[in-house]
C-alpha atoms as a PDB file:
ATOM      1  CA  UNK A   1      20.807  73.089 115.483  1.00  0.00           C
ATOM      2  CA  UNK A   2      22.970  72.533 118.612  1.00  0.00           C
ATOM      3  CA  UNK A   3      24.642  75.904 118.088  1.00  0.00           C
ATOM      4  CA  UNK A   4      21.239  77.601 117.833  1.00  0.00           C
ATOM      5  CA  UNK A   5      20.213  76.004 121.143  1.00  0.00           C
ATOM      6  CA  UNK A   6      23.355  77.290 122.775  1.00  0.00           C
ATOM      7  CA  UNK A   7      22.609  80.764 121.558  1.00  0.00           C
ATOM      8  CA  UNK A   8      19.039  80.533 122.868  1.00  0.00           C
ATOM      9  CA  UNK A   9      20.227  79.282 126.258  1.00  0.00           C
ATOM     10  CA  UNK A  10      21.760  82.727 126.786  1.00  0.00           C
ATOM     11  CA  UNK A  11      18.988  84.651 125.005  1.00  0.00           C
ATOM     12  CA  UNK A  12      16.963  87.471 126.515  1.00  0.00           C
ATOM     13  CA  UNK A  13      13.381  86.829 127.587  1.00  0.00           C
ATOM     14  CA  UNK A  14      10.809  89.608 127.570  1.00  0.00           C
ATOM     15  CA  UNK A  15       7.810  88.903 129.703  1.00  0.00           C
ATOM     16  CA  UNK A  16       4.309  90.210 129.312  1.00  0.00           C
ATOM     17  CA  UNK A  17       3.163  92.879 131.792  1.00  0.00           C
ATOM     18  CA  UNK A  18       1.792  91.184 134.867  1.00  0.00           C
ATOM     19  CA  UNK A  19      -1.527  92.994 134.611  1.00  0.00           C
ATOM     20  CA  UNK A  20      -2.506  91.607 131.242  1.00  0.00           C
ATOM     21  CA  UNK A  21      -1.319  88.018 131.346  1.00  0.00           C
ATOM     22  CA  UNK A  22      -0.901  87.134 135.060  1.00  0.00           C
ATOM     23  CA  UNK A  23      -2.707  83.905 135.848  1.00  0.00           C
ATOM     24  CA  UNK A  24      -5.344  83.747 138.572  1.00  0.00           C
ATOM     25  CA  UNK A  25      -4.002  81.990 141.654  1.00  0.00           C
ATOM     26  CA  UNK A  26      -5.777  78.671 140.760  1.00  0.00           C
ATOM     27  CA  UNK A  27      -5.794  78.623 136.965  1.00  0.00           C
ATOM     28  CA  UNK A  28      -3.414  78.377 133.991  1.00  0.00           C
ATOM     29  CA  UNK A  29      -3.062  81.439 131.761  1.00  0.00           C
ATOM     30  CA  UNK A  30      -1.327  82.425 128.489  1.00  0.00           C
ATOM     31  CA  UNK A  31       2.139  83.933 128.581  1.00  0.00           C
ATOM     32  CA  UNK A  32       4.371  85.070 125.687  1.00  0.00           C
ATOM     33  CA  UNK A  33       8.136  85.000 125.908  1.00  0.00           C
ATOM     34  CA  UNK A  34      10.502  86.227 123.162  1.00  0.00           C
ATOM     35  CA  UNK A  35      14.059  85.000 122.763  1.00  0.00           C
ATOM     36  CA  UNK A  36      16.545  86.728 120.527  1.00  0.00           C
ATOM     37  CA  UNK A  37      20.053  85.507 119.585  1.00  0.00           C
ATOM     38  CA  UNK A  38      22.507  86.196 122.441  1.00  0.00           C
ATOM     39  CA  UNK A  39      24.403  88.764 120.349  1.00  0.00           C
ATOM     40  CA  UNK A  40      21.313  90.895 119.809  1.00  0.00           C
ATOM     41  CA  UNK A  41      21.312  93.370 122.705  1.00  0.00           C
ATOM     42  CA  UNK A  42      18.857  96.080 121.658  1.00  0.00           C
ATOM     43  CA  UNK A  43      16.227  95.901 124.455  1.00  0.00           C
ATOM     44  CA  UNK A  44      14.002  98.596 122.906  1.00  0.00           C
ATOM     45  CA  UNK A  45      13.813  96.676 119.604  1.00  0.00           C
ATOM     46  CA  UNK A  46      13.099  93.460 121.494  1.00  0.00           C
ATOM     47  CA  UNK A  47      10.268  95.136 123.447  1.00  0.00           C
ATOM     48  CA  UNK A  48       8.714  96.601 120.227  1.00  0.00           C
ATOM     49  CA  UNK A  49       8.843  93.179 118.581  1.00  0.00           C
ATOM     50  CA  UNK A  50       7.288  91.561 121.647  1.00  0.00           C
ATOM     51  CA  UNK A  51       4.533  94.213 121.732  1.00  0.00           C
ATOM     52  CA  UNK A  52       3.716  93.815 118.035  1.00  0.00           C
ATOM     53  CA  UNK A  53       3.321  90.019 118.270  1.00  0.00           C
ATOM     54  CA  UNK A  54       1.414  90.233 121.582  1.00  0.00           C
ATOM     55  CA  UNK A  55      -1.059  92.701 120.105  1.00  0.00           C
ATOM     56  CA  UNK A  56      -1.577  90.472 117.038  1.00  0.00           C
ATOM     57  CA  UNK A  57      -2.240  87.360 119.126  1.00  0.00           C
ATOM     58  CA  UNK A  58      -5.854  86.235 119.500  1.00  0.00           C
ATOM     59  CA  UNK A  59      -6.356  83.554 122.205  1.00  0.00           C
ATOM     60  CA  UNK A  60      -8.315  80.641 120.724  1.00  0.00           C
ATOM     61  CA  UNK A  61     -11.433  79.221 122.386  1.00  0.00           C
ATOM     62  CA  UNK A  62      -9.581  75.987 123.125  1.00  0.00           C
ATOM     63  CA  UNK A  63      -6.352  75.840 125.134  1.00  0.00           C
ATOM     64  CA  UNK A  64      -3.611  73.204 125.509  1.00  0.00           C
ATOM     65  CA  UNK A  65      -2.978  71.390 128.786  1.00  0.00           C
ATOM     66  CA  UNK A  66      -1.409  73.515 131.505  1.00  0.00           C
ATOM     67  CA  UNK A  67       2.394  73.707 131.030  1.00  0.00           C
ATOM     68  CA  UNK A  68       2.213  73.342 127.220  1.00  0.00           C
ATOM     69  CA  UNK A  69       3.660  75.774 124.729  1.00  0.00           C
ATOM     70  CA  UNK A  70       3.917  76.489 121.060  1.00  0.00           C
ATOM     71  CA  UNK A  71       7.219  77.778 119.710  1.00  0.00           C
ATOM     72  CA  UNK A  72       7.235  79.829 116.534  1.00  0.00           C
ATOM     73  CA  UNK A  73      10.595  80.783 114.922  1.00  0.00           C
ATOM     74  CA  UNK A  74      10.883  83.812 112.692  1.00  0.00           C
ATOM     75  CA  UNK A  75      13.985  85.200 110.966  1.00  0.00           C
ATOM     76  CA  UNK A  76      13.827  88.973 110.868  1.00  0.00           C
ATOM     77  CA  UNK A  77      15.833  90.406 107.968  1.00  0.00           C
ATOM     78  CA  UNK A  78      17.779  93.672 107.998  1.00  0.00           C
ATOM     79  CA  UNK A  79      14.830  95.549 106.446  1.00  0.00           C
ATOM     80  CA  UNK A  80      12.308  94.098 108.993  1.00  0.00           C
ATOM     81  CA  UNK A  81      10.805  91.562 106.614  1.00  0.00           C
ATOM     82  CA  UNK A  82      10.194  88.147 108.117  1.00  0.00           C
ATOM     83  CA  UNK A  83       9.724  85.350 105.594  1.00  0.00           C
ATOM     84  CA  UNK A  84       7.210  82.674 106.536  1.00  0.00           C
ATOM     85  CA  UNK A  85       7.554  81.791 110.292  1.00  0.00           C
ATOM     86  CA  UNK A  86       7.797  78.191 111.297  1.00  0.00           C
ATOM     87  CA  UNK A  87       5.948  76.299 113.980  1.00  0.00           C
ATOM     88  CA  UNK A  88       8.948  74.644 115.648  1.00  0.00           C
ATOM     89  CA  UNK A  89       7.238  73.070 118.663  1.00  0.00           C
ATOM     90  CA  UNK A  90       3.612  72.057 119.012  1.00  0.00           C
ATOM     91  CA  UNK A  91       1.560  72.567 122.182  1.00  0.00           C
ATOM     92  CA  UNK A  92      -0.845  69.700 121.704  1.00  0.00           C
ATOM     93  CA  UNK A  93      -3.639  71.975 120.685  1.00  0.00           C
ATOM     94  CA  UNK A  94      -4.061  72.652 116.949  1.00  0.00           C
ATOM     95  CA  UNK A  95      -6.015  75.847 117.663  1.00  0.00           C
ATOM     96  CA  UNK A  96      -3.330  77.203 120.027  1.00  0.00           C
ATOM     97  CA  UNK A  97      -0.594  76.384 117.556  1.00  0.00           C
ATOM     98  CA  UNK A  98      -2.486  78.021 114.652  1.00  0.00           C
ATOM     99  CA  UNK A  99      -3.150  81.149 116.722  1.00  0.00           C
ATOM    100  CA  UNK A 100       0.524  81.416 117.688  1.00  0.00           C
ATOM    101  CA  UNK A 101       1.693  81.061 114.048  1.00  0.00           C
ATOM    102  CA  UNK A 102      -0.910  83.558 112.883  1.00  0.00           C
ATOM    103  CA  UNK A 103       0.147  86.135 115.508  1.00  0.00           C
ATOM    104  CA  UNK A 104       3.723  86.131 114.224  1.00  0.00           C
ATOM    105  CA  UNK A 105       2.541  86.234 110.569  1.00  0.00           C
ATOM    106  CA  UNK A 106       0.244  89.199 111.273  1.00  0.00           C
ATOM    107  CA  UNK A 107       2.937  91.073 113.219  1.00  0.00           C
ATOM    108  CA  UNK A 108       5.342  91.029 110.233  1.00  0.00           C
ATOM    109  CA  UNK A 109       6.953  93.047 108.828  1.00  0.00           C
ATOM    110  CA  UNK A 110       8.879  94.267 111.877  1.00  0.00           C
ATOM    111  CA  UNK A 111      10.959  97.414 112.194  1.00  0.00           C
ATOM    112  CA  UNK A 112      14.294  97.288 110.329  1.00  0.00           C
ATOM    113  CA  UNK A 113      17.073  95.827 112.461  1.00  0.00           C
ATOM    114  CA  UNK A 114      19.199  98.425 114.294  1.00  0.00           C
ATOM    115  CA  UNK A 115      21.915  99.916 112.094  1.00  0.00           C
ATOM    116  CA  UNK A 116      24.584  98.756 114.540  1.00  0.00           C
ATOM    117  CA  UNK A 117      23.550  95.115 114.364  1.00  0.00           C
ATOM    118  CA  UNK A 118      26.226  93.467 112.155  1.00  0.00           C
ATOM    119  CA  UNK A 119      24.301  90.511 110.861  1.00  0.00           C
ATOM    120  CA  UNK A 120      21.882  90.399 107.923  1.00  0.00           C
ATOM    121  CA  UNK A 121      19.138  88.820 110.039  1.00  0.00           C
ATOM    122  CA  UNK A 122      18.274  87.639 113.529  1.00  0.00           C
ATOM    123  CA  UNK A 123      16.471  84.506 114.546  1.00  0.00           C
ATOM    124  CA  UNK A 124      13.669  85.047 117.111  1.00  0.00           C
ATOM    125  CA  UNK A 125      11.808  82.387 119.056  1.00  0.00           C
ATOM    126  CA  UNK A 126       8.321  83.194 120.245  1.00  0.00           C
ATOM    127  CA  UNK A 127       7.076  80.945 123.058  1.00  0.00           C
ATOM    128  CA  UNK A 128       3.270  80.955 123.497  1.00  0.00           C
ATOM    129  CA  UNK A 129       2.912  79.211 126.826  1.00  0.00           C
ATOM    130  CA  UNK A 130      -0.121  78.106 128.775  1.00  0.00           C
ATOM    131  CA  UNK A 131       1.071  77.926 132.379  1.00  0.00           C
END
């Protein structure tokens, strides 16, 4: 697990477009960040993956406390399949956590990994934040 955390420390984050998820000046708002392993450099693939999960996500009626997040981990296989994602970190809101997990489930399968990527799979962390 420590090696996975080191990889994620240098991972790439893709932020949502400001127009769709920017918080009002005085309120918390949802934000999705996606982190790939540090050796996965294909920005176009990362963006497509982000877009697919973001479009699958449905904000629940209840939200966690400001500053909370749910982290869902998926392992995308060479062919784009993603076996059951895992809720790795809970936000404190069961509805928020369930919506985050469901968004990643619905987004799968993803596009096949780029032909030049040497590994059989890539681990991806999806952070559904309420900031």
